[in-house]
C-alpha cells in the first residue's frame, strides 16, 4: 500500500497582517520553484476560470497574494465581519489531475484551533512523485518552508509514520526529515545515519535516512522512535498548549 507522504511546517500563534503573510508566501513560492519543475505554476479555485486550466493562475507576487489572503479571512455569520485573530487560509494546486497541493494557514493569533501551517501534499502521479520523494528534494522543500515561514518545526514523513510516533497533537513531529527552530533548543548527538545540518541561523535539519522511511518497515519505525526519544529527553518534543491571553 502506498503511504501518504507530505511536508508540513508548523508554528504557534503569530499575529501578522495579510501583507506580511503575502511577503512570506512570495518568498516561499519563489524558493519552491527552484526545487522541482512541477513547482513552477500554481492555481486556485474561483468561478469562471478557463476550462483548459486547473484553476485561476496564481502569480506569486505580494500584491496578488495579499488580496487572496484578505478574501480568505474568516468572517462572522452575523454582519460578515472579519475574525482577525483566526488569520488567513489559502489552497493552491498545480495540475488538473493528480496535483500537488499546498495549504497555507497563517497570521492566526487565536489560541483556539490548530496552529499556523504550510502543508505540501505531493502528487500521486508516479514519475513526478518518485522524483519529489527523494531526500535532496525534501531537504530543499523544508529549507524553503523554514526560510519563508520561520516555523517552530517542520517535517517530511508519511501520515502513517506520524500516527505511529505522535503522542500529543501539540508536540513536535519527528519524520524522515525534521526541521527544528533554534527557539526550541539544540539537538543532542543522534545515532548514525542521522545527519544534522544547519539551516542558516534559523535552526537545524535532521535527515534520518538517505532513503524513504516507511511505517510498514519495523526497523524504520523503531529507529524513528529512538530518535524521537532522544529529542524528547533533550526537551525538544513537548510544546505547551497555547492559552488565551490573560489566563
C-alpha atoms as a PDB file:
ATOM      1  CA  UNK A   1       0.000   0.000   0.000  1.00  0.00           C
ATOM      2  CA  UNK A   2       1.317   3.435  -0.936  1.00  0.00           C
ATOM      3  CA  UNK A   3       1.843   5.607   2.126  1.00  0.00           C
ATOM      4  CA  UNK A   4       0.606   9.197   2.247  1.00  0.00           C
ATOM      5  CA  UNK A   5       3.682  11.416   2.369  1.00  0.00           C
ATOM      6  CA  UNK A   6       3.573  15.140   2.982  1.00  0.00           C
ATOM      7  CA  UNK A   7       5.767  18.007   4.118  1.00  0.00           C
ATOM      8  CA  UNK A   8       4.493  20.349   6.814  1.00  0.00           C
ATOM      9  CA  UNK A   9       5.725  23.389   8.736  1.00  0.00           C
ATOM     10  CA  UNK A  10       4.004  24.479  11.947  1.00  0.00           C
ATOM     11  CA  UNK A  11       4.195  27.477  14.254  1.00  0.00           C
ATOM     12  CA  UNK A  12       2.186  28.829  17.160  1.00  0.00           C
ATOM     13  CA  UNK A  13       0.073  31.979  17.413  1.00  0.00           C
ATOM     14  CA  UNK A  14       1.713  34.798  15.449  1.00  0.00           C
ATOM     15  CA  UNK A  15      -0.151  37.983  14.635  1.00  0.00           C
ATOM     16  CA  UNK A  16       0.683  39.005  11.069  1.00  0.00           C
ATOM     17  CA  UNK A  17      -1.197  41.075   8.524  1.00  0.00           C
ATOM     18  CA  UNK A  18      -2.223  39.824   5.091  1.00  0.00           C
ATOM     19  CA  UNK A  19       0.651  41.873   3.677  1.00  0.00           C
ATOM     20  CA  UNK A  20       3.195  40.247   5.992  1.00  0.00           C
ATOM     21  CA  UNK A  21       1.847  36.780   5.125  1.00  0.00           C
ATOM     22  CA  UNK A  22       1.967  37.689   1.418  1.00  0.00           C
ATOM     23  CA  UNK A  23       5.634  38.640   1.670  1.00  0.00           C
ATOM     24  CA  UNK A  24       6.414  35.286   3.279  1.00  0.00           C
ATOM     25  CA  UNK A  25       4.336  33.450   0.662  1.00  0.00           C
ATOM     26  CA  UNK A  26       6.070  35.260  -2.199  1.00  0.00           C
ATOM     27  CA  UNK A  27       9.464  34.175  -0.878  1.00  0.00           C
ATOM     28  CA  UNK A  28       8.208  30.630  -0.335  1.00  0.00           C
ATOM     29  CA  UNK A  29       6.853  30.200  -3.878  1.00  0.00           C
ATOM     30  CA  UNK A  30       9.936  31.711  -5.492  1.00  0.00           C
ATOM     31  CA  UNK A  31      12.229  29.413  -3.486  1.00  0.00           C
ATOM     32  CA  UNK A  32       9.993  26.403  -4.082  1.00  0.00           C
ATOM     33  CA  UNK A  33      10.119  26.873  -7.863  1.00  0.00           C
ATOM     34  CA  UNK A  34      13.823  26.064  -7.724  1.00  0.00           C
ATOM     35  CA  UNK A  35      13.177  22.692  -6.037  1.00  0.00           C
ATOM     36  CA  UNK A  36      11.398  20.982  -8.924  1.00  0.00           C
ATOM     37  CA  UNK A  37       9.959  21.926 -12.355  1.00  0.00           C
ATOM     38  CA  UNK A  38       6.460  20.902 -11.219  1.00  0.00           C
ATOM     39  CA  UNK A  39       6.512  23.680  -8.599  1.00  0.00           C
ATOM     40  CA  UNK A  40       6.587  26.497 -11.167  1.00  0.00           C
ATOM     41  CA  UNK A  41       2.861  27.115 -11.803  1.00  0.00           C
ATOM     42  CA  UNK A  42       0.047  27.212  -9.242  1.00  0.00           C
ATOM     43  CA  UNK A  43      -3.719  27.652  -9.462  1.00  0.00           C
ATOM     44  CA  UNK A  44      -6.615  28.459  -7.157  1.00  0.00           C
ATOM     45  CA  UNK A  45     -10.381  27.968  -7.042  1.00  0.00           C
ATOM     46  CA  UNK A  46     -12.857  30.534  -8.348  1.00  0.00           C
ATOM     47  CA  UNK A  47     -15.767  30.831 -10.711  1.00  0.00           C
ATOM     48  CA  UNK A  48     -15.243  31.260 -14.423  1.00  0.00           C
ATOM     49  CA  UNK A  49     -11.647  30.103 -14.789  1.00  0.00           C
ATOM     50  CA  UNK A  50     -10.613  28.854 -18.269  1.00  0.00           C
ATOM     51  CA  UNK A  51     -11.624  25.202 -18.596  1.00  0.00           C
ATOM     52  CA  UNK A  52      -8.317  24.233 -20.167  1.00  0.00           C
ATOM     53  CA  UNK A  53      -6.555  25.274 -16.940  1.00  0.00           C
ATOM     54  CA  UNK A  54      -6.638  23.659 -13.466  1.00  0.00           C
ATOM     55  CA  UNK A  55      -7.986  26.913 -11.994  1.00  0.00           C
ATOM     56  CA  UNK A  56      -7.182  30.601 -11.859  1.00  0.00           C
ATOM     57  CA  UNK A  57      -3.410  31.112 -12.221  1.00  0.00           C
ATOM     58  CA  UNK A  58      -1.712  32.361  -9.056  1.00  0.00           C
ATOM     59  CA  UNK A  59       1.119  34.803  -9.630  1.00  0.00           C
ATOM     60  CA  UNK A  60       3.481  34.696  -6.639  1.00  0.00           C
ATOM     61  CA  UNK A  61       3.634  38.456  -6.207  1.00  0.00           C
ATOM     62  CA  UNK A  62       2.973  40.307  -2.973  1.00  0.00           C
ATOM     63  CA  UNK A  63       0.002  42.369  -4.169  1.00  0.00           C
ATOM     64  CA  UNK A  64      -1.927  39.414  -5.597  1.00  0.00           C
ATOM     65  CA  UNK A  65      -1.119  37.166  -2.635  1.00  0.00           C
ATOM     66  CA  UNK A  66      -2.228  39.856  -0.183  1.00  0.00           C
ATOM     67  CA  UNK A  67      -5.576  40.135  -1.969  1.00  0.00           C
ATOM     68  CA  UNK A  68      -6.015  36.359  -1.892  1.00  0.00           C
ATOM     69  CA  UNK A  69      -5.329  36.224   1.829  1.00  0.00           C
ATOM     70  CA  UNK A  70      -7.735  39.080   2.526  1.00  0.00           C
ATOM     71  CA  UNK A  71     -10.504  37.278   0.625  1.00  0.00           C
ATOM     72  CA  UNK A  72      -9.854  34.132   2.646  1.00  0.00           C
ATOM     73  CA  UNK A  73     -10.215  35.776   6.065  1.00  0.00           C
ATOM     74  CA  UNK A  74     -12.838  34.002   8.197  1.00  0.00           C
ATOM     75  CA  UNK A  75     -15.940  36.095   8.900  1.00  0.00           C
ATOM     76  CA  UNK A  76     -18.765  36.068  11.448  1.00  0.00           C
ATOM     77  CA  UNK A  77     -22.156  34.684  10.436  1.00  0.00           C
ATOM     78  CA  UNK A  78     -23.838  37.913  11.526  1.00  0.00           C
ATOM     79  CA  UNK A  79     -22.535  41.033   9.825  1.00  0.00           C
ATOM     80  CA  UNK A  80     -19.782  39.153   7.940  1.00  0.00           C
ATOM     81  CA  UNK A  81     -17.077  40.878   9.969  1.00  0.00           C
ATOM     82  CA  UNK A  82     -13.526  39.585   9.707  1.00  0.00           C
ATOM     83  CA  UNK A  83     -12.394  37.364  12.556  1.00  0.00           C
ATOM     84  CA  UNK A  84      -8.956  38.922  12.720  1.00  0.00           C
ATOM     85  CA  UNK A  85      -7.328  36.561  15.206  1.00  0.00           C
ATOM     86  CA  UNK A  86      -8.091  33.498  13.046  1.00  0.00           C
ATOM     87  CA  UNK A  87      -5.700  34.619  10.317  1.00  0.00           C
ATOM     88  CA  UNK A  88      -5.815  33.674   6.664  1.00  0.00           C
ATOM     89  CA  UNK A  89      -6.179  30.499   4.610  1.00  0.00           C
ATOM     90  CA  UNK A  90      -5.378  29.665   1.023  1.00  0.00           C
ATOM     91  CA  UNK A  91      -5.094  26.474  -1.021  1.00  0.00           C
ATOM     92  CA  UNK A  92      -3.365  26.100  -4.394  1.00  0.00           C
ATOM     93  CA  UNK A  93      -2.532  23.211  -6.713  1.00  0.00           C
ATOM     94  CA  UNK A  94      -0.523  22.665  -9.871  1.00  0.00           C
ATOM     95  CA  UNK A  95      -2.470  20.316 -12.182  1.00  0.00           C
ATOM     96  CA  UNK A  96      -5.976  19.273 -13.272  1.00  0.00           C
ATOM     97  CA  UNK A  97      -5.497  15.695 -12.082  1.00  0.00           C
ATOM     98  CA  UNK A  98      -3.101  14.144  -9.577  1.00  0.00           C
ATOM     99  CA  UNK A  99      -1.986  17.580  -8.425  1.00  0.00           C
ATOM    100  CA  UNK A 100       0.457  18.572  -5.750  1.00  0.00           C
ATOM    101  CA  UNK A 101      -1.450  20.689  -3.221  1.00  0.00           C
ATOM    102  CA  UNK A 102      -0.299  23.443  -0.881  1.00  0.00           C
ATOM    103  CA  UNK A 103      -2.404  24.567   2.070  1.00  0.00           C
ATOM    104  CA  UNK A 104      -1.413  27.776   3.847  1.00  0.00           C
ATOM    105  CA  UNK A 105      -2.796  28.882   7.213  1.00  0.00           C
ATOM    106  CA  UNK A 106      -1.030  31.983   8.518  1.00  0.00           C
ATOM    107  CA  UNK A 107      -1.474  35.154  10.560  1.00  0.00           C
ATOM    108  CA  UNK A 108      -3.503  33.313  13.215  1.00  0.00           C
ATOM    109  CA  UNK A 109      -3.001  34.509  16.768  1.00  0.00           C
ATOM    110  CA  UNK A 110      -6.001  32.947  18.460  1.00  0.00           C
ATOM    111  CA  UNK A 111      -5.034  30.149  20.887  1.00  0.00           C
ATOM    112  CA  UNK A 112      -8.021  28.122  19.696  1.00  0.00           C
ATOM    113  CA  UNK A 113      -7.963  25.645  16.863  1.00  0.00           C
ATOM    114  CA  UNK A 114      -4.892  24.334  15.104  1.00  0.00           C
ATOM    115  CA  UNK A 115      -1.523  26.010  14.557  1.00  0.00           C
ATOM    116  CA  UNK A 116      -0.389  28.166  11.674  1.00  0.00           C
ATOM    117  CA  UNK A 117       0.929  25.853   9.000  1.00  0.00           C
ATOM    118  CA  UNK A 118       2.245  25.333   5.498  1.00  0.00           C
ATOM    119  CA  UNK A 119       1.448  21.876   4.106  1.00  0.00           C
ATOM    120  CA  UNK A 120       2.605  20.388   0.806  1.00  0.00           C
ATOM    121  CA  UNK A 121       0.993  17.141  -0.344  1.00  0.00           C
ATOM    122  CA  UNK A 122       2.803  15.642  -3.359  1.00  0.00           C
ATOM    123  CA  UNK A 123       1.090  14.315  -6.437  1.00  0.00           C
ATOM    124  CA  UNK A 124       0.282  10.636  -6.847  1.00  0.00           C
ATOM    125  CA  UNK A 125       1.441  10.724 -10.471  1.00  0.00           C
ATOM    126  CA  UNK A 126       4.158   8.062 -10.309  1.00  0.00           C
ATOM    127  CA  UNK A 127       7.037   9.674 -12.223  1.00  0.00           C
ATOM    128  CA  UNK A 128       6.776  13.068 -10.527  1.00  0.00           C
ATOM    129  CA  UNK A 129       6.049  11.560  -7.102  1.00  0.00           C
ATOM    130  CA  UNK A 130       9.178   9.393  -7.297  1.00  0.00           C
ATOM    131  CA  UNK A 131      11.200  12.491  -8.156  1.00  0.00           C
ATOM    132  CA  UNK A 132       9.734  14.516  -5.282  1.00  0.00           C
ATOM    133  CA  UNK A 133      10.093  11.835  -2.599  1.00  0.00           C
ATOM    134  CA  UNK A 134      13.867  11.968  -2.530  1.00  0.00           C
ATOM    135  CA  UNK A 135      15.968  13.250   0.347  1.00  0.00           C
ATOM    136  CA  UNK A 136      17.659  16.138  -1.539  1.00  0.00           C
ATOM    137  CA  UNK A 137      14.328  17.487  -2.828  1.00  0.00           C
ATOM    138  CA  UNK A 138      12.545  17.197   0.518  1.00  0.00           C
ATOM    139  CA  UNK A 139      15.503  18.843   2.261  1.00  0.00           C
ATOM    140  CA  UNK A 140      15.135  21.790  -0.129  1.00  0.00           C
ATOM    141  CA  UNK A 141      11.380  21.926   0.446  1.00  0.00           C
ATOM    142  CA  UNK A 142      11.812  22.050   4.233  1.00  0.00           C
ATOM    143  CA  UNK A 143      14.524  24.682   3.848  1.00  0.00           C
ATOM    144  CA  UNK A 144      12.083  26.784   1.796  1.00  0.00           C
ATOM    145  CA  UNK A 145       9.433  26.424   4.489  1.00  0.00           C
ATOM    146  CA  UNK A 146      11.879  27.263   7.281  1.00  0.00           C
ATOM    147  CA  UNK A 147      13.295  30.299   5.494  1.00  0.00           C
ATOM    148  CA  UNK A 148       9.971  31.791   4.401  1.00  0.00           C
ATOM    149  CA  UNK A 149       7.691  30.971   7.353  1.00  0.00           C
ATOM    150  CA  UNK A 150      10.121  30.682  10.303  1.00  0.00           C
ATOM    151  CA  UNK A 151       8.144  27.798  11.847  1.00  0.00           C
ATOM    152  CA  UNK A 152       8.797  26.163  15.194  1.00  0.00           C
ATOM    153  CA  UNK A 153       9.322  22.880  13.367  1.00  0.00           C
ATOM    154  CA  UNK A 154       8.750  21.196  10.029  1.00  0.00           C
ATOM    155  CA  UNK A 155       8.873  17.626   8.819  1.00  0.00           C
ATOM    156  CA  UNK A 156       8.553  15.370   5.800  1.00  0.00           C
ATOM    157  CA  UNK A 157       7.024  11.993   6.541  1.00  0.00           C
ATOM    158  CA  UNK A 158       4.115   9.705   5.805  1.00  0.00           C
ATOM    159  CA  UNK A 159       0.926  10.285   7.756  1.00  0.00           C
ATOM    160  CA  UNK A 160       1.114   6.624   8.758  1.00  0.00           C
ATOM    161  CA  UNK A 161       4.506   7.179  10.411  1.00  0.00           C
ATOM    162  CA  UNK A 162       3.234  10.319  12.151  1.00  0.00           C
ATOM    163  CA  UNK A 163       0.324   8.333  13.588  1.00  0.00           C
ATOM    164  CA  UNK A 164       2.770   5.777  14.993  1.00  0.00           C
ATOM    165  CA  UNK A 165       5.110   8.389  16.516  1.00  0.00           C
ATOM    166  CA  UNK A 166       2.843  11.173  17.746  1.00  0.00           C
ATOM    167  CA  UNK A 167       1.725  11.036  21.372  1.00  0.00           C
ATOM    168  CA  UNK A 168       0.222  14.534  21.689  1.00  0.00           C
ATOM    169  CA  UNK A 169      -1.127  16.807  18.977  1.00  0.00           C
ATOM    170  CA  UNK A 170       0.850  19.792  20.289  1.00  0.00           C
ATOM    171  CA  UNK A 171       4.215  18.059  20.195  1.00  0.00           C
ATOM    172  CA  UNK A 172       6.993  18.390  17.617  1.00  0.00           C
ATOM    173  CA  UNK A 173       6.510  15.761  14.924  1.00  0.00           C
ATOM    174  CA  UNK A 174       9.541  13.689  14.000  1.00  0.00           C
ATOM    175  CA  UNK A 175       9.705  12.392  10.449  1.00  0.00           C
ATOM    176  CA  UNK A 176      12.018  11.108   7.764  1.00  0.00           C
ATOM    177  CA  UNK A 177      13.324  14.687   7.689  1.00  0.00           C
ATOM    178  CA  UNK A 178      12.717  17.098  10.556  1.00  0.00           C
ATOM    179  CA  UNK A 179      13.470  20.810  10.922  1.00  0.00           C
ATOM    180  CA  UNK A 180      13.840  22.299  14.416  1.00  0.00           C
ATOM    181  CA  UNK A 181      13.951  26.021  15.108  1.00  0.00           C
ATOM    182  CA  UNK A 182      16.700  27.305  17.382  1.00  0.00           C
ATOM    183  CA  UNK A 183      13.892  28.600  19.579  1.00  0.00           C
ATOM    184  CA  UNK A 184      13.289  25.004  20.681  1.00  0.00           C
ATOM    185  CA  UNK A 185      16.863  24.307  21.725  1.00  0.00           C
ATOM    186  CA  UNK A 186      19.893  22.445  20.400  1.00  0.00           C
ATOM    187  CA  UNK A 187      19.645  18.876  19.043  1.00  0.00           C
ATOM    188  CA  UNK A 188      21.635  16.278  21.012  1.00  0.00           C
ATOM    189  CA  UNK A 189      24.036  13.830  19.322  1.00  0.00           C
ATOM    190  CA  UNK A 190      21.972  11.331  17.330  1.00  0.00           C
ATOM    191  CA  UNK A 191      22.843   7.823  16.083  1.00  0.00           C
ATOM    192  CA  UNK A 192      24.049   7.138  12.543  1.00  0.00           C
ATOM    193  CA  UNK A 193      22.952   7.544   9.827  1.00  0.00           C
ATOM    194  CA  UNK A 194      21.231  10.736  11.068  1.00  0.00           C
ATOM    195  CA  UNK A 195      22.688  13.932   9.597  1.00  0.00           C
ATOM    196  CA  UNK A 196      22.243  17.268  11.383  1.00  0.00           C
ATOM    197  CA  UNK A 197      22.625  20.255   9.060  1.00  0.00           C
ATOM    198  CA  UNK A 198      22.240  23.963   9.907  1.00  0.00           C
ATOM    199  CA  UNK A 199      19.557  25.963   8.094  1.00  0.00           C
ATOM    200  CA  UNK A 200      21.244  29.356   8.099  1.00  0.00           C
ATOM    201  CA  UNK A 201      20.906  30.886  11.551  1.00  0.00           C
ATOM    202  CA  UNK A 202      17.303  29.665  11.912  1.00  0.00           C
ATOM    203  CA  UNK A 203      17.693  26.082  13.077  1.00  0.00           C
ATOM    204  CA  UNK A 204      18.680  22.556  12.120  1.00  0.00           C
ATOM    205  CA  UNK A 205      17.587  19.976   9.583  1.00  0.00           C
ATOM    206  CA  UNK A 206      17.695  16.361  10.768  1.00  0.00           C
ATOM    207  CA  UNK A 207      17.849  13.761   7.995  1.00  0.00           C
ATOM    208  CA  UNK A 208      17.172  10.319   9.454  1.00  0.00           C
ATOM    209  CA  UNK A 209      17.906   8.339   6.310  1.00  0.00           C
ATOM    210  CA  UNK A 210      19.042   8.880   2.713  1.00  0.00           C
ATOM    211  CA  UNK A 211      16.218   6.539   1.650  1.00  0.00           C
ATOM    212  CA  UNK A 212      12.450   6.859   2.265  1.00  0.00           C
ATOM    213  CA  UNK A 213      11.321   5.920   5.777  1.00  0.00           C
ATOM    214  CA  UNK A 214       8.094   3.901   5.820  1.00  0.00           C
ATOM    215  CA  UNK A 215       5.679   2.941   8.568  1.00  0.00           C
ATOM    216  CA  UNK A 216       5.456  -0.529   7.042  1.00  0.00           C
ATOM    217  CA  UNK A 217       9.139  -1.161   7.840  1.00  0.00           C
ATOM    218  CA  UNK A 218       9.528  -2.126  11.506  1.00  0.00           C
ATOM    219  CA  UNK A 219      13.204  -1.075  11.541  1.00  0.00           C
ATOM    220  CA  UNK A 220      12.265   2.394  10.280  1.00  0.00           C
ATOM    221  CA  UNK A 221       9.573   2.704  12.946  1.00  0.00           C
ATOM    222  CA  UNK A 222      11.941   1.613  15.714  1.00  0.00           C
ATOM    223  CA  UNK A 223      14.716   3.961  14.561  1.00  0.00           C
ATOM    224  CA  UNK A 224      12.372   6.952  14.257  1.00  0.00           C
ATOM    225  CA  UNK A 225      11.014   6.188  17.733  1.00  0.00           C
ATOM    226  CA  UNK A 226      14.591   6.095  19.077  1.00  0.00           C
ATOM    227  CA  UNK A 227      15.391   9.494  17.575  1.00  0.00           C
ATOM    228  CA  UNK A 228      12.133  10.893  18.944  1.00  0.00           C
ATOM    229  CA  UNK A 229      13.033   9.570  22.411  1.00  0.00           C
ATOM    230  CA  UNK A 230      16.445  11.256  22.336  1.00  0.00           C
ATOM    231  CA  UNK A 231      14.938  14.552  21.199  1.00  0.00           C
ATOM    232  CA  UNK A 232      12.289  14.270  23.909  1.00  0.00           C
ATOM    233  CA  UNK A 233      14.978  13.759  26.577  1.00  0.00           C
ATOM    234  CA  UNK A 234      16.655  16.927  25.292  1.00  0.00           C
ATOM    235  CA  UNK A 235      13.397  18.850  25.761  1.00  0.00           C
ATOM    236  CA  UNK A 236      12.727  19.325  22.048  1.00  0.00           C
ATOM    237  CA  UNK A 237       9.440  17.445  21.626  1.00  0.00           C
ATOM    238  CA  UNK A 238       6.933  18.790  24.128  1.00  0.00           C
ATOM    239  CA  UNK A 239       5.245  22.060  23.203  1.00  0.00           C
ATOM    240  CA  UNK A 240       2.913  23.857  25.639  1.00  0.00           C
ATOM    241  CA  UNK A 241      -0.665  24.223  24.518  1.00  0.00           C
ATOM    242  CA  UNK A 242      -1.424  27.885  23.694  1.00  0.00           C
ATOM    243  CA  UNK A 243      -3.689  29.596  26.203  1.00  0.00           C
ATOM    244  CA  UNK A 244      -5.919  32.656  25.851  1.00  0.00           C
ATOM    245  CA  UNK A 245      -4.308  35.947  26.841  1.00  0.00           C
ATOM    246  CA  UNK A 246      -4.871  36.800  30.480  1.00  0.00           C
ATOM    247  CA  UNK A 247      -5.275  33.209  31.663  1.00  0.00           C
END
